[in-house]
Each structure stands twice: as C-alpha cells, then as structure tokens.
Amino acid sequence: MPSAHQPFERVGARDGADGVANQSIQRAAAVLRAVADAPNGIRVSELARKVSLAYPTVTRIVQTLEREHFLARAPGARSVVLGPDIARLASRFVPHGQLRALGTRHVEALARELGEAVELSAVVDGQAPDLDRAIVILVRVETVHVLRTSSTSGRIPLHATSVGKILLAHRTDAALDHFLEAPLRLVASGTITDPSALRSQVEAARRSGVAEAVNELEHGVSALSTGIHDADGALFGILNVDGPTARLGTERRKAIAAMMLRTTGAIEAELRGRDAAV
C-alpha cells in the first residue's frame, strides 16, 4: 500500500450556518472542563460564574450532559461531577505515541520474518469516506527490495485497499449499506466495483480478522491488513503487509495472515498490560 496518506489535521469551528451549533458545543466543553477542575464536585451556580454564562443556560447544559451520562450528581450533594461515560470514552483512547512505541519492534520483527514491507497505522476517523482521512501511518518498515509504487491521484478509496476493508468491517451494517450505495471507482485492474462482491469481502474480514486486496489499488501489488483493538473491541490501529502479487500467492497470503494475527494479538496484549499497570 503506498504511503500517500495525509497526516491528521485539526479541524476548527466554522462560521456561518454552523455557528449556533458550534457555540453550544463550545459551551458544553467549557462546562465539562470546569467540572473536571473540581474533582469534589461543583454547584451549578458556581459553575455558571466559572464559565461566565447565565445560570439558566448552564442549567440546561448540565441537564443535557446528565442525560448523556457525561455529568452526574455527587452522592448526597447538589454538586455535579464527571459522569461514567467520560471515563468510558477516555479509556478507549490510546495515544498514537503509545501505539508506535509498543508496536514498532513487533512491526520490525514481522518485516524481518516475512521479507515484506510492514506498516502500522493509527485509526483517527473510522467513519471517514477515504483512507487519507481515516488513518495516519505511524511506522513503515521496508525490505531490502523496496516496493516501488506509482502515486494514486486523488484521495485513496477505502474499497480498493485491505486497510479500507478492515475499516468497513468495523462499521455498522447500516453504515456499510450507506457506503455501498455510492459508485465504487475503478482504480486498478483488480479493483472491486460490484457492491455485492465488496460486501462479501467485508463480511469475510469480519469473520477472519484479515482483509486482502489483490491488484486492487495498483496492478501487481497485493496487501493484507488486520485490526488492532482495545479491551472493549474498538478498532484503534491497523497492521498492513504489502508486496508484489507475484510473491503473494494464495498459499503465501494464508501464511502471512496467520503471522499477522499473531503479531496483532501480541501488540494488543502489551497495550492492555500497559493500561492495567497504570
């Protein structure tokens, strides 16, 4: 898979039609930060003073955040504290640096063992419409025979890559249906443009944990990908192996898939062990 993905960029708030919605989000964020700075709880009246908003406005924000379990009432008090869903969401965040630090030696070992290029990526937006906005590459280890690939014009489509198929495999059925409603662009000789055929490959990836792309992004290049998951099963990283199709025949890909699953399992075990030790 060509390393043409763009780095993650922070998207700022837009003016215009989205202004009111953005303002509401900014106010809710200010409330959450203020509550986080008061670990023993904070009354709504004091909270309103801290964020410089009217008491009725803060009351509505607090009530909404309580319904979403982002805030909760402190036991036996009228103060509010951070709610359980804040902790749940935070526990699913794995810093890219941690994934890179723990995954790099596994990537290097797999590349030596296979003699093929191996890549480790972090998932930044699993619902993005193309690969460039969905992942950021953390580590890529080439072999002594570097695989030369031509650049792909435009953004890299999910359906033409094994990484993209892993991302699609982790979407809901409804989200997958929505994705398959759009035309599937022909990129290379093997690109799958039939929605039913792509659905079959995505469902196979769900069952096996491995996705393949043979001559789909570029003729003569094949790739395999496996996901890296947190303790709750959420996808936060992807391991990818690519090489010449002439070297990656059916039996060879089966052997590589087994080794990749072993490697992703080892990375997951180390990440969970590190989290448990914190």
C-alpha atoms as a PDB file:
ATOM      1  CA  MET A   1       0.000   0.000   0.000  1.00  0.00           C
ATOM      2  CA  PRO A   2       1.555   3.341  -0.977  1.00  0.00           C
ATOM      3  CA  SER A   3       2.417   5.632   1.901  1.00  0.00           C
ATOM      4  CA  ALA A   4       0.471   8.543   0.490  1.00  0.00           C
ATOM      5  CA  HIS A   5      -1.841   9.196   3.408  1.00  0.00           C
ATOM      6  CA  GLN A   6      -2.018  12.713   4.751  1.00  0.00           C
ATOM      7  CA  PRO A   7      -1.274  13.435   8.424  1.00  0.00           C
ATOM      8  CA  PHE A   8      -4.163  14.123  10.759  1.00  0.00           C
ATOM      9  CA  GLU A   9      -5.181  17.774  10.808  1.00  0.00           C
ATOM     10  CA  ARG A  10      -7.225  19.515  13.457  1.00  0.00           C
ATOM     11  CA  VAL A  11     -10.436  20.905  12.026  1.00  0.00           C
ATOM     12  CA  GLY A  12     -11.502  24.188  13.571  1.00  0.00           C
ATOM     13  CA  ALA A  13     -15.029  25.513  14.095  1.00  0.00           C
ATOM     14  CA  ARG A  14     -16.648  27.074  11.049  1.00  0.00           C
ATOM     15  CA  ASP A  15     -18.601  30.292  10.956  1.00  0.00           C
ATOM     16  CA  GLY A  16     -21.962  30.733   9.277  1.00  0.00           C
ATOM     17  CA  ALA A  17     -24.789  28.211   9.460  1.00  0.00           C
ATOM     18  CA  ASP A  18     -22.930  26.043  11.938  1.00  0.00           C
ATOM     19  CA  GLY A  19     -22.231  28.937  14.308  1.00  0.00           C
ATOM     20  CA  VAL A  20     -25.027  28.248  16.786  1.00  0.00           C
ATOM     21  CA  ALA A  21     -24.304  24.515  16.928  1.00  0.00           C
ATOM     22  CA  ASN A  22     -20.593  25.195  17.385  1.00  0.00           C
ATOM     23  CA  GLN A  23     -21.331  27.680  20.164  1.00  0.00           C
ATOM     24  CA  SER A  24     -23.399  25.091  22.027  1.00  0.00           C
ATOM     25  CA  ILE A  25     -20.598  22.555  21.754  1.00  0.00           C
ATOM     26  CA  GLN A  26     -18.037  25.097  22.942  1.00  0.00           C
ATOM     27  CA  ARG A  27     -20.188  25.977  25.956  1.00  0.00           C
ATOM     28  CA  ALA A  28     -20.667  22.299  26.830  1.00  0.00           C
ATOM     29  CA  ALA A  29     -16.909  21.757  26.535  1.00  0.00           C
ATOM     30  CA  ALA A  30     -16.256  24.709  28.854  1.00  0.00           C
ATOM     31  CA  VAL A  31     -18.674  23.248  31.403  1.00  0.00           C
ATOM     32  CA  LEU A  32     -17.004  19.825  31.252  1.00  0.00           C
ATOM     33  CA  ARG A  33     -13.538  21.336  31.706  1.00  0.00           C
ATOM     34  CA  ALA A  34     -14.719  23.372  34.691  1.00  0.00           C
ATOM     35  CA  VAL A  35     -16.280  20.307  36.327  1.00  0.00           C
ATOM     36  CA  ALA A  36     -13.077  18.332  35.673  1.00  0.00           C
ATOM     37  CA  ASP A  37     -11.145  21.024  37.574  1.00  0.00           C
ATOM     38  CA  ALA A  38     -13.381  20.419  40.624  1.00  0.00           C
ATOM     39  CA  PRO A  39     -12.908  16.717  41.472  1.00  0.00           C
ATOM     40  CA  ASN A  40     -15.037  17.023  44.622  1.00  0.00           C
ATOM     41  CA  GLY A  41     -17.963  18.467  42.685  1.00  0.00           C
ATOM     42  CA  ILE A  42     -19.199  21.947  41.859  1.00  0.00           C
ATOM     43  CA  ARG A  43     -22.621  23.619  42.222  1.00  0.00           C
ATOM     44  CA  VAL A  44     -24.328  24.906  39.099  1.00  0.00           C
ATOM     45  CA  SER A  45     -24.327  28.496  40.393  1.00  0.00           C
ATOM     46  CA  GLU A  46     -20.562  28.395  40.866  1.00  0.00           C
ATOM     47  CA  LEU A  47     -20.165  26.633  37.547  1.00  0.00           C
ATOM     48  CA  ALA A  48     -22.044  29.463  35.808  1.00  0.00           C
ATOM     49  CA  ARG A  49     -19.637  32.007  37.312  1.00  0.00           C
ATOM     50  CA  LYS A  50     -16.606  29.992  36.281  1.00  0.00           C
ATOM     51  CA  VAL A  51     -17.638  29.696  32.629  1.00  0.00           C
ATOM     52  CA  SER A  52     -19.146  33.204  32.501  1.00  0.00           C
ATOM     53  CA  LEU A  53     -22.555  32.054  31.329  1.00  0.00           C
ATOM     54  CA  ALA A  54     -26.074  32.728  32.568  1.00  0.00           C
ATOM     55  CA  TYR A  55     -27.377  30.387  35.248  1.00  0.00           C
ATOM     56  CA  PRO A  56     -30.351  29.145  33.129  1.00  0.00           C
ATOM     57  CA  THR A  57     -28.002  28.410  30.214  1.00  0.00           C
ATOM     58  CA  VAL A  58     -25.625  26.384  32.376  1.00  0.00           C
ATOM     59  CA  THR A  59     -28.571  24.569  33.982  1.00  0.00           C
ATOM     60  CA  ARG A  60     -29.783  23.420  30.552  1.00  0.00           C
ATOM     61  CA  ILE A  61     -26.283  22.316  29.562  1.00  0.00           C
ATOM     62  CA  VAL A  62     -25.816  20.395  32.812  1.00  0.00           C
ATOM     63  CA  GLN A  63     -29.192  18.666  32.439  1.00  0.00           C
ATOM     64  CA  THR A  64     -28.348  17.618  28.881  1.00  0.00           C
ATOM     65  CA  LEU A  65     -24.921  16.318  29.895  1.00  0.00           C
ATOM     66  CA  GLU A  66     -26.501  14.407  32.777  1.00  0.00           C
ATOM     67  CA  ARG A  67     -28.916  12.691  30.395  1.00  0.00           C
ATOM     68  CA  GLU A  68     -25.929  11.671  28.266  1.00  0.00           C
ATOM     69  CA  HIS A  69     -24.095  10.456  31.417  1.00  0.00           C
ATOM     70  CA  PHE A  70     -21.237  12.912  30.856  1.00  0.00           C
ATOM     71  CA  LEU A  71     -22.091  14.542  34.204  1.00  0.00           C
ATOM     72  CA  ALA A  72     -23.583  13.127  37.384  1.00  0.00           C
ATOM     73  CA  ARG A  73     -24.760  14.406  40.752  1.00  0.00           C
ATOM     74  CA  ALA A  74     -22.254  13.952  43.536  1.00  0.00           C
ATOM     75  CA  PRO A  75     -23.584  11.480  46.137  1.00  0.00           C
ATOM     76  CA  GLY A  76     -25.549  13.304  48.856  1.00  0.00           C
ATOM     77  CA  ALA A  77     -24.876  16.723  47.372  1.00  0.00           C
ATOM     78  CA  ARG A  78     -26.268  19.195  44.869  1.00  0.00           C
ATOM     79  CA  SER A  79     -22.913  19.414  43.154  1.00  0.00           C
ATOM     80  CA  VAL A  80     -22.112  17.830  39.794  1.00  0.00           C
ATOM     81  CA  VAL A  81     -19.109  15.674  38.927  1.00  0.00           C
ATOM     82  CA  LEU A  82     -17.899  13.985  35.756  1.00  0.00           C
ATOM     83  CA  GLY A  83     -20.166  11.107  34.725  1.00  0.00           C
ATOM     84  CA  PRO A  84     -19.373   7.487  33.866  1.00  0.00           C
ATOM     85  CA  ASP A  85     -19.403   7.938  30.077  1.00  0.00           C
ATOM     86  CA  ILE A  86     -16.488  10.366  30.293  1.00  0.00           C
ATOM     87  CA  ALA A  87     -14.357   7.632  31.857  1.00  0.00           C
ATOM     88  CA  ARG A  88     -15.628   5.071  29.340  1.00  0.00           C
ATOM     89  CA  LEU A  89     -14.694   7.241  26.378  1.00  0.00           C
ATOM     90  CA  ALA A  90     -11.329   8.184  27.864  1.00  0.00           C
ATOM     91  CA  SER A  91     -10.468   4.517  28.446  1.00  0.00           C
ATOM     92  CA  ARG A  92     -10.844   3.860  24.715  1.00  0.00           C
ATOM     93  CA  PHE A  93      -8.270   6.485  23.752  1.00  0.00           C
ATOM     94  CA  VAL A  94      -4.836   5.096  23.007  1.00  0.00           C
ATOM     95  CA  PRO A  95      -2.278   7.821  22.256  1.00  0.00           C
ATOM     96  CA  HIS A  96      -0.563   7.347  18.906  1.00  0.00           C
ATOM     97  CA  GLY A  97       2.791   7.585  20.631  1.00  0.00           C
ATOM     98  CA  GLN A  98       1.971   4.627  22.843  1.00  0.00           C
ATOM     99  CA  LEU A  99       0.885   2.506  19.880  1.00  0.00           C
ATOM    100  CA  ARG A 100       4.048   3.457  17.997  1.00  0.00           C
ATOM    101  CA  ALA A 101       6.296   2.788  20.976  1.00  0.00           C
ATOM    102  CA  LEU A 102       4.871  -0.653  21.738  1.00  0.00           C
ATOM    103  CA  GLY A 103       4.195  -1.676  18.145  1.00  0.00           C
ATOM    104  CA  THR A 104       7.434  -0.726  16.404  1.00  0.00           C
ATOM    105  CA  ARG A 105       9.507  -3.726  17.500  1.00  0.00           C
ATOM    106  CA  HIS A 106       6.691  -6.092  16.512  1.00  0.00           C
ATOM    107  CA  VAL A 107       6.487  -4.442  13.087  1.00  0.00           C
ATOM    108  CA  GLU A 108      10.245  -4.710  12.617  1.00  0.00           C
ATOM    109  CA  ALA A 109      10.272  -8.372  13.699  1.00  0.00           C
ATOM    110  CA  LEU A 110       7.425  -9.245  11.326  1.00  0.00           C
ATOM    111  CA  ALA A 111       9.126  -7.453   8.420  1.00  0.00           C
ATOM    112  CA  ARG A 112      12.339  -9.437   9.035  1.00  0.00           C
ATOM    113  CA  GLU A 113      10.419 -12.701   9.271  1.00  0.00           C
ATOM    114  CA  LEU A 114       8.336 -12.110   6.149  1.00  0.00           C
ATOM    115  CA  GLY A 115      10.800 -10.239   3.991  1.00  0.00           C
ATOM    116  CA  GLU A 116       7.937  -7.928   3.010  1.00  0.00           C
ATOM    117  CA  ALA A 117       7.035  -4.324   3.827  1.00  0.00           C
ATOM    118  CA  VAL A 118       5.031  -3.915   7.051  1.00  0.00           C
ATOM    119  CA  GLU A 119       3.120  -0.835   8.139  1.00  0.00           C
ATOM    120  CA  LEU A 120       1.440   0.177  11.392  1.00  0.00           C
ATOM    121  CA  SER A 121      -1.277   2.838  11.307  1.00  0.00           C
ATOM    122  CA  ALA A 122      -3.489   4.515  13.887  1.00  0.00           C
ATOM    123  CA  VAL A 123      -7.181   4.983  13.184  1.00  0.00           C
ATOM    124  CA  VAL A 124      -8.131   8.652  13.538  1.00  0.00           C
ATOM    125  CA  ASP A 125     -11.609   8.523  11.957  1.00  0.00           C
ATOM    126  CA  GLY A 126     -13.090   5.107  11.286  1.00  0.00           C
ATOM    127  CA  GLN A 127     -16.105   6.692   9.533  1.00  0.00           C
ATOM    128  CA  ALA A 128     -14.092   8.802   7.069  1.00  0.00           C
ATOM    129  CA  PRO A 129     -15.013   8.410   3.383  1.00  0.00           C
ATOM    130  CA  ASP A 130     -11.452   7.725   2.217  1.00  0.00           C
ATOM    131  CA  LEU A 131      -8.219   6.284   3.549  1.00  0.00           C
ATOM    132  CA  ASP A 132      -6.334   9.576   3.709  1.00  0.00           C
ATOM    133  CA  ARG A 133      -8.659  10.942   6.386  1.00  0.00           C
ATOM    134  CA  ALA A 134      -9.235   7.647   8.189  1.00  0.00           C
ATOM    135  CA  ILE A 135      -5.721   6.705   9.309  1.00  0.00           C
ATOM    136  CA  VAL A 136      -2.275   8.073   9.999  1.00  0.00           C
ATOM    137  CA  ILE A 137       0.781   5.913   9.372  1.00  0.00           C
ATOM    138  CA  LEU A 138       2.978   5.542  12.451  1.00  0.00           C
ATOM    139  CA  VAL A 139       5.651   3.076  11.313  1.00  0.00           C
ATOM    140  CA  ARG A 140       6.612   1.573   7.966  1.00  0.00           C
ATOM    141  CA  VAL A 141       9.469  -0.939   7.607  1.00  0.00           C
ATOM    142  CA  GLU A 142      10.623  -1.671   4.070  1.00  0.00           C
ATOM    143  CA  THR A 143      12.508  -4.767   2.973  1.00  0.00           C
ATOM    144  CA  VAL A 144      15.837  -4.776   1.161  1.00  0.00           C
ATOM    145  CA  HIS A 145      13.766  -4.950  -2.028  1.00  0.00           C
ATOM    146  CA  VAL A 146      11.766  -1.760  -1.706  1.00  0.00           C
ATOM    147  CA  LEU A 147       8.384  -1.978  -3.371  1.00  0.00           C
ATOM    148  CA  ARG A 148       8.069   0.888  -5.815  1.00  0.00           C
ATOM    149  CA  THR A 149       4.504   2.026  -6.344  1.00  0.00           C
ATOM    150  CA  SER A 150       3.087   4.745  -8.523  1.00  0.00           C
ATOM    151  CA  SER A 151       1.164   7.548  -6.888  1.00  0.00           C
ATOM    152  CA  THR A 152      -2.614   7.309  -6.830  1.00  0.00           C
ATOM    153  CA  SER A 153      -4.319  10.505  -7.947  1.00  0.00           C
ATOM    154  CA  GLY A 154      -6.862  11.934  -5.548  1.00  0.00           C
ATOM    155  CA  ARG A 155      -7.790  10.503  -2.192  1.00  0.00           C
ATOM    156  CA  ILE A 156      -7.312   6.758  -1.725  1.00  0.00           C
ATOM    157  CA  PRO A 157     -10.692   4.975  -1.768  1.00  0.00           C
ATOM    158  CA  LEU A 158     -11.482   2.541   1.044  1.00  0.00           C
ATOM    159  CA  HIS A 159     -12.805  -0.204  -1.232  1.00  0.00           C
ATOM    160  CA  ALA A 160      -9.519  -0.534  -3.144  1.00  0.00           C
ATOM    161  CA  THR A 161      -7.334  -1.323  -0.113  1.00  0.00           C
ATOM    162  CA  SER A 162      -7.101  -4.008   2.536  1.00  0.00           C
ATOM    163  CA  VAL A 163      -6.837  -1.295   5.216  1.00  0.00           C
ATOM    164  CA  GLY A 164     -10.071   0.226   3.952  1.00  0.00           C
ATOM    165  CA  LYS A 165     -11.829  -3.134   4.090  1.00  0.00           C
ATOM    166  CA  ILE A 166     -10.826  -3.527   7.750  1.00  0.00           C
ATOM    167  CA  LEU A 167     -12.319  -0.095   8.437  1.00  0.00           C
ATOM    168  CA  LEU A 168     -15.511  -1.054   6.605  1.00  0.00           C
ATOM    169  CA  ALA A 169     -15.680  -4.340   8.526  1.00  0.00           C
ATOM    170  CA  HIS A 170     -15.878  -2.394  11.771  1.00  0.00           C
ATOM    171  CA  ARG A 171     -18.770  -0.203  10.667  1.00  0.00           C
ATOM    172  CA  THR A 172     -22.375  -0.994  11.464  1.00  0.00           C
ATOM    173  CA  ASP A 173     -24.461  -2.774   8.847  1.00  0.00           C
ATOM    174  CA  ALA A 174     -26.361   0.465   8.237  1.00  0.00           C
ATOM    175  CA  ALA A 175     -23.139   2.426   7.700  1.00  0.00           C
ATOM    176  CA  LEU A 176     -21.842  -0.257   5.337  1.00  0.00           C
ATOM    177  CA  ASP A 177     -25.112  -0.189   3.386  1.00  0.00           C
ATOM    178  CA  HIS A 178     -24.792   3.583   3.054  1.00  0.00           C
ATOM    179  CA  PHE A 179     -21.198   3.282   1.819  1.00  0.00           C
ATOM    180  CA  LEU A 180     -22.165   0.691  -0.799  1.00  0.00           C
ATOM    181  CA  GLU A 181     -24.879   2.948  -2.224  1.00  0.00           C
ATOM    182  CA  ALA A 182     -22.226   5.145  -3.848  1.00  0.00           C
ATOM    183  CA  PRO A 183     -20.430   4.057  -7.053  1.00  0.00           C
ATOM    184  CA  LEU A 184     -17.183   2.151  -6.435  1.00  0.00           C
ATOM    185  CA  ARG A 185     -14.477   3.763  -8.544  1.00  0.00           C
ATOM    186  CA  LEU A 186     -12.207   1.575 -10.687  1.00  0.00           C
ATOM    187  CA  VAL A 187      -8.622   2.280  -9.596  1.00  0.00           C
ATOM    188  CA  ALA A 188      -6.631  -0.696 -10.916  1.00  0.00           C
ATOM    189  CA  SER A 189      -7.194  -3.942 -12.809  1.00  0.00           C
ATOM    190  CA  GLY A 190      -8.431  -5.835  -9.751  1.00  0.00           C
ATOM    191  CA  THR A 191     -10.487  -3.121  -8.056  1.00  0.00           C
ATOM    192  CA  ILE A 192     -13.822  -4.459  -6.840  1.00  0.00           C
ATOM    193  CA  THR A 193     -16.606  -2.275  -8.208  1.00  0.00           C
ATOM    194  CA  ASP A 194     -19.528  -4.634  -7.563  1.00  0.00           C
ATOM    195  CA  PRO A 195     -21.210  -3.790  -4.215  1.00  0.00           C
ATOM    196  CA  SER A 196     -22.231  -7.421  -3.560  1.00  0.00           C
ATOM    197  CA  ALA A 197     -18.682  -8.653  -4.116  1.00  0.00           C
ATOM    198  CA  LEU A 198     -17.255  -5.986  -1.824  1.00  0.00           C
ATOM    199  CA  ARG A 199     -19.832  -6.795   0.845  1.00  0.00           C
ATOM    200  CA  SER A 200     -18.760 -10.452   0.707  1.00  0.00           C
ATOM    201  CA  GLN A 201     -15.122  -9.465   1.229  1.00  0.00           C
ATOM    202  CA  VAL A 202     -16.009  -7.186   4.140  1.00  0.00           C
ATOM    203  CA  GLU A 203     -18.070  -9.932   5.783  1.00  0.00           C
ATOM    204  CA  ALA A 204     -15.163 -12.356   5.291  1.00  0.00           C
ATOM    205  CA  ALA A 205     -12.865  -9.846   7.004  1.00  0.00           C
ATOM    206  CA  ARG A 206     -15.301  -9.621   9.915  1.00  0.00           C
ATOM    207  CA  ARG A 207     -15.147 -13.386  10.357  1.00  0.00           C
ATOM    208  CA  SER A 208     -11.421 -13.935   9.897  1.00  0.00           C
ATOM    209  CA  GLY A 209      -9.995 -10.625  11.100  1.00  0.00           C
ATOM    210  CA  VAL A 210      -7.967 -10.324   7.880  1.00  0.00           C
ATOM    211  CA  ALA A 211      -8.695  -8.325   4.719  1.00  0.00           C
ATOM    212  CA  GLU A 212      -6.974  -8.691   1.357  1.00  0.00           C
ATOM    213  CA  ALA A 213      -6.532  -6.511  -1.717  1.00  0.00           C
ATOM    214  CA  VAL A 214      -5.035  -8.189  -4.800  1.00  0.00           C
ATOM    215  CA  ASN A 215      -4.188  -5.842  -7.695  1.00  0.00           C
ATOM    216  CA  GLU A 216      -6.918  -3.512  -6.410  1.00  0.00           C
ATOM    217  CA  LEU A 217      -5.065  -0.271  -5.707  1.00  0.00           C
ATOM    218  CA  GLU A 218      -2.281  -0.906  -8.218  1.00  0.00           C
ATOM    219  CA  HIS A 219      -1.752  -3.740 -10.667  1.00  0.00           C
ATOM    220  CA  GLY A 220       0.990  -6.086  -9.480  1.00  0.00           C
ATOM    221  CA  VAL A 221       0.674  -5.123  -5.808  1.00  0.00           C
ATOM    222  CA  SER A 222      -1.177  -7.093  -3.120  1.00  0.00           C
ATOM    223  CA  ALA A 223      -1.762  -6.332   0.547  1.00  0.00           C
ATOM    224  CA  LEU A 224      -3.205  -7.838   3.723  1.00  0.00           C
ATOM    225  CA  SER A 225      -4.424  -5.991   6.818  1.00  0.00           C
ATOM    226  CA  THR A 226      -5.503  -6.893  10.340  1.00  0.00           C
ATOM    227  CA  GLY A 227      -7.016  -4.705  13.049  1.00  0.00           C
ATOM    228  CA  ILE A 228      -5.664  -3.837  16.499  1.00  0.00           C
ATOM    229  CA  HIS A 229      -8.360  -3.473  19.170  1.00  0.00           C
ATOM    230  CA  ASP A 230      -8.703  -2.152  22.691  1.00  0.00           C
ATOM    231  CA  ALA A 231     -10.148  -4.105  25.613  1.00  0.00           C
ATOM    232  CA  ASP A 232     -13.695  -3.194  24.506  1.00  0.00           C
ATOM    233  CA  GLY A 233     -13.119  -4.418  20.956  1.00  0.00           C
ATOM    234  CA  ALA A 234     -12.897  -0.942  19.414  1.00  0.00           C
ATOM    235  CA  LEU A 235     -10.551  -0.602  16.428  1.00  0.00           C
ATOM    236  CA  PHE A 236      -7.703   1.854  17.023  1.00  0.00           C
ATOM    237  CA  GLY A 237      -4.860   0.525  14.873  1.00  0.00           C
ATOM    238  CA  ILE A 238      -4.226  -1.466  11.686  1.00  0.00           C
ATOM    239  CA  LEU A 239      -1.302  -3.670  10.670  1.00  0.00           C
ATOM    240  CA  ASN A 240      -0.619  -3.896   6.927  1.00  0.00           C
ATOM    241  CA  VAL A 241       1.689  -6.051   4.796  1.00  0.00           C
ATOM    242  CA  ASP A 242       2.191  -5.383   1.095  1.00  0.00           C
ATOM    243  CA  GLY A 243       4.347  -6.772  -1.673  1.00  0.00           C
ATOM    244  CA  PRO A 244       4.408  -7.869  -5.319  1.00  0.00           C
ATOM    245  CA  THR A 245       1.440 -10.030  -6.291  1.00  0.00           C
ATOM    246  CA  ALA A 246       3.881 -12.446  -7.924  1.00  0.00           C
ATOM    247  CA  ARG A 247       5.294 -13.220  -4.457  1.00  0.00           C
ATOM    248  CA  LEU A 248       1.987 -13.098  -2.575  1.00  0.00           C
ATOM    249  CA  GLY A 249       0.062 -16.040  -3.997  1.00  0.00           C
ATOM    250  CA  THR A 250      -2.908 -17.668  -2.272  1.00  0.00           C
ATOM    251  CA  GLU A 251      -0.922 -20.015  -0.011  1.00  0.00           C
ATOM    252  CA  ARG A 252       1.630 -17.349   0.817  1.00  0.00           C
ATOM    253  CA  ARG A 253      -1.141 -14.944   1.819  1.00  0.00           C
ATOM    254  CA  LYS A 254      -2.652 -17.575   4.121  1.00  0.00           C
ATOM    255  CA  ALA A 255       0.679 -17.980   5.910  1.00  0.00           C
ATOM    256  CA  ILE A 256       1.160 -14.209   6.165  1.00  0.00           C
ATOM    257  CA  ALA A 257      -2.357 -13.757   7.561  1.00  0.00           C
ATOM    258  CA  ALA A 258      -1.652 -16.207  10.389  1.00  0.00           C
ATOM    259  CA  MET A 259       1.580 -14.408  11.272  1.00  0.00           C
ATOM    260  CA  MET A 260      -0.142 -11.020  11.204  1.00  0.00           C
ATOM    261  CA  LEU A 261      -2.888 -12.191  13.550  1.00  0.00           C
ATOM    262  CA  ARG A 262      -0.225 -13.468  15.927  1.00  0.00           C
ATOM    263  CA  THR A 263       1.524 -10.075  15.798  1.00  0.00           C
ATOM    264  CA  THR A 264      -1.622  -8.007  16.346  1.00  0.00           C
ATOM    265  CA  GLY A 265      -2.506 -10.275  19.269  1.00  0.00           C
ATOM    266  CA  ALA A 266       0.901  -9.591  20.830  1.00  0.00           C
ATOM    267  CA  ILE A 267       0.530  -5.819  20.354  1.00  0.00           C
ATOM    268  CA  GLU A 268      -2.951  -5.868  21.907  1.00  0.00           C
ATOM    269  CA  ALA A 269      -1.699  -7.879  24.878  1.00  0.00           C
ATOM    270  CA  GLU A 270       1.114  -5.401  25.544  1.00  0.00           C
ATOM    271  CA  LEU A 271      -1.176  -2.376  25.244  1.00  0.00           C
ATOM    272  CA  ARG A 272      -3.719  -3.876  27.633  1.00  0.00           C
ATOM    273  CA  GLY A 273      -0.972  -4.867  30.036  1.00  0.00           C
ATOM    274  CA  ARG A 274       0.394  -1.329  29.980  1.00  0.00           C
ATOM    275  CA  ASP A 275      -3.076   0.124  30.614  1.00  0.00           C
ATOM    276  CA  ALA A 276      -3.633  -2.261  33.530  1.00  0.00           C
ATOM    277  CA  ALA A 277      -0.344  -1.252  35.098  1.00  0.00           C
ATOM    278  CA  VAL A 278      -1.179   2.467  35.008  1.00  0.00           C
END
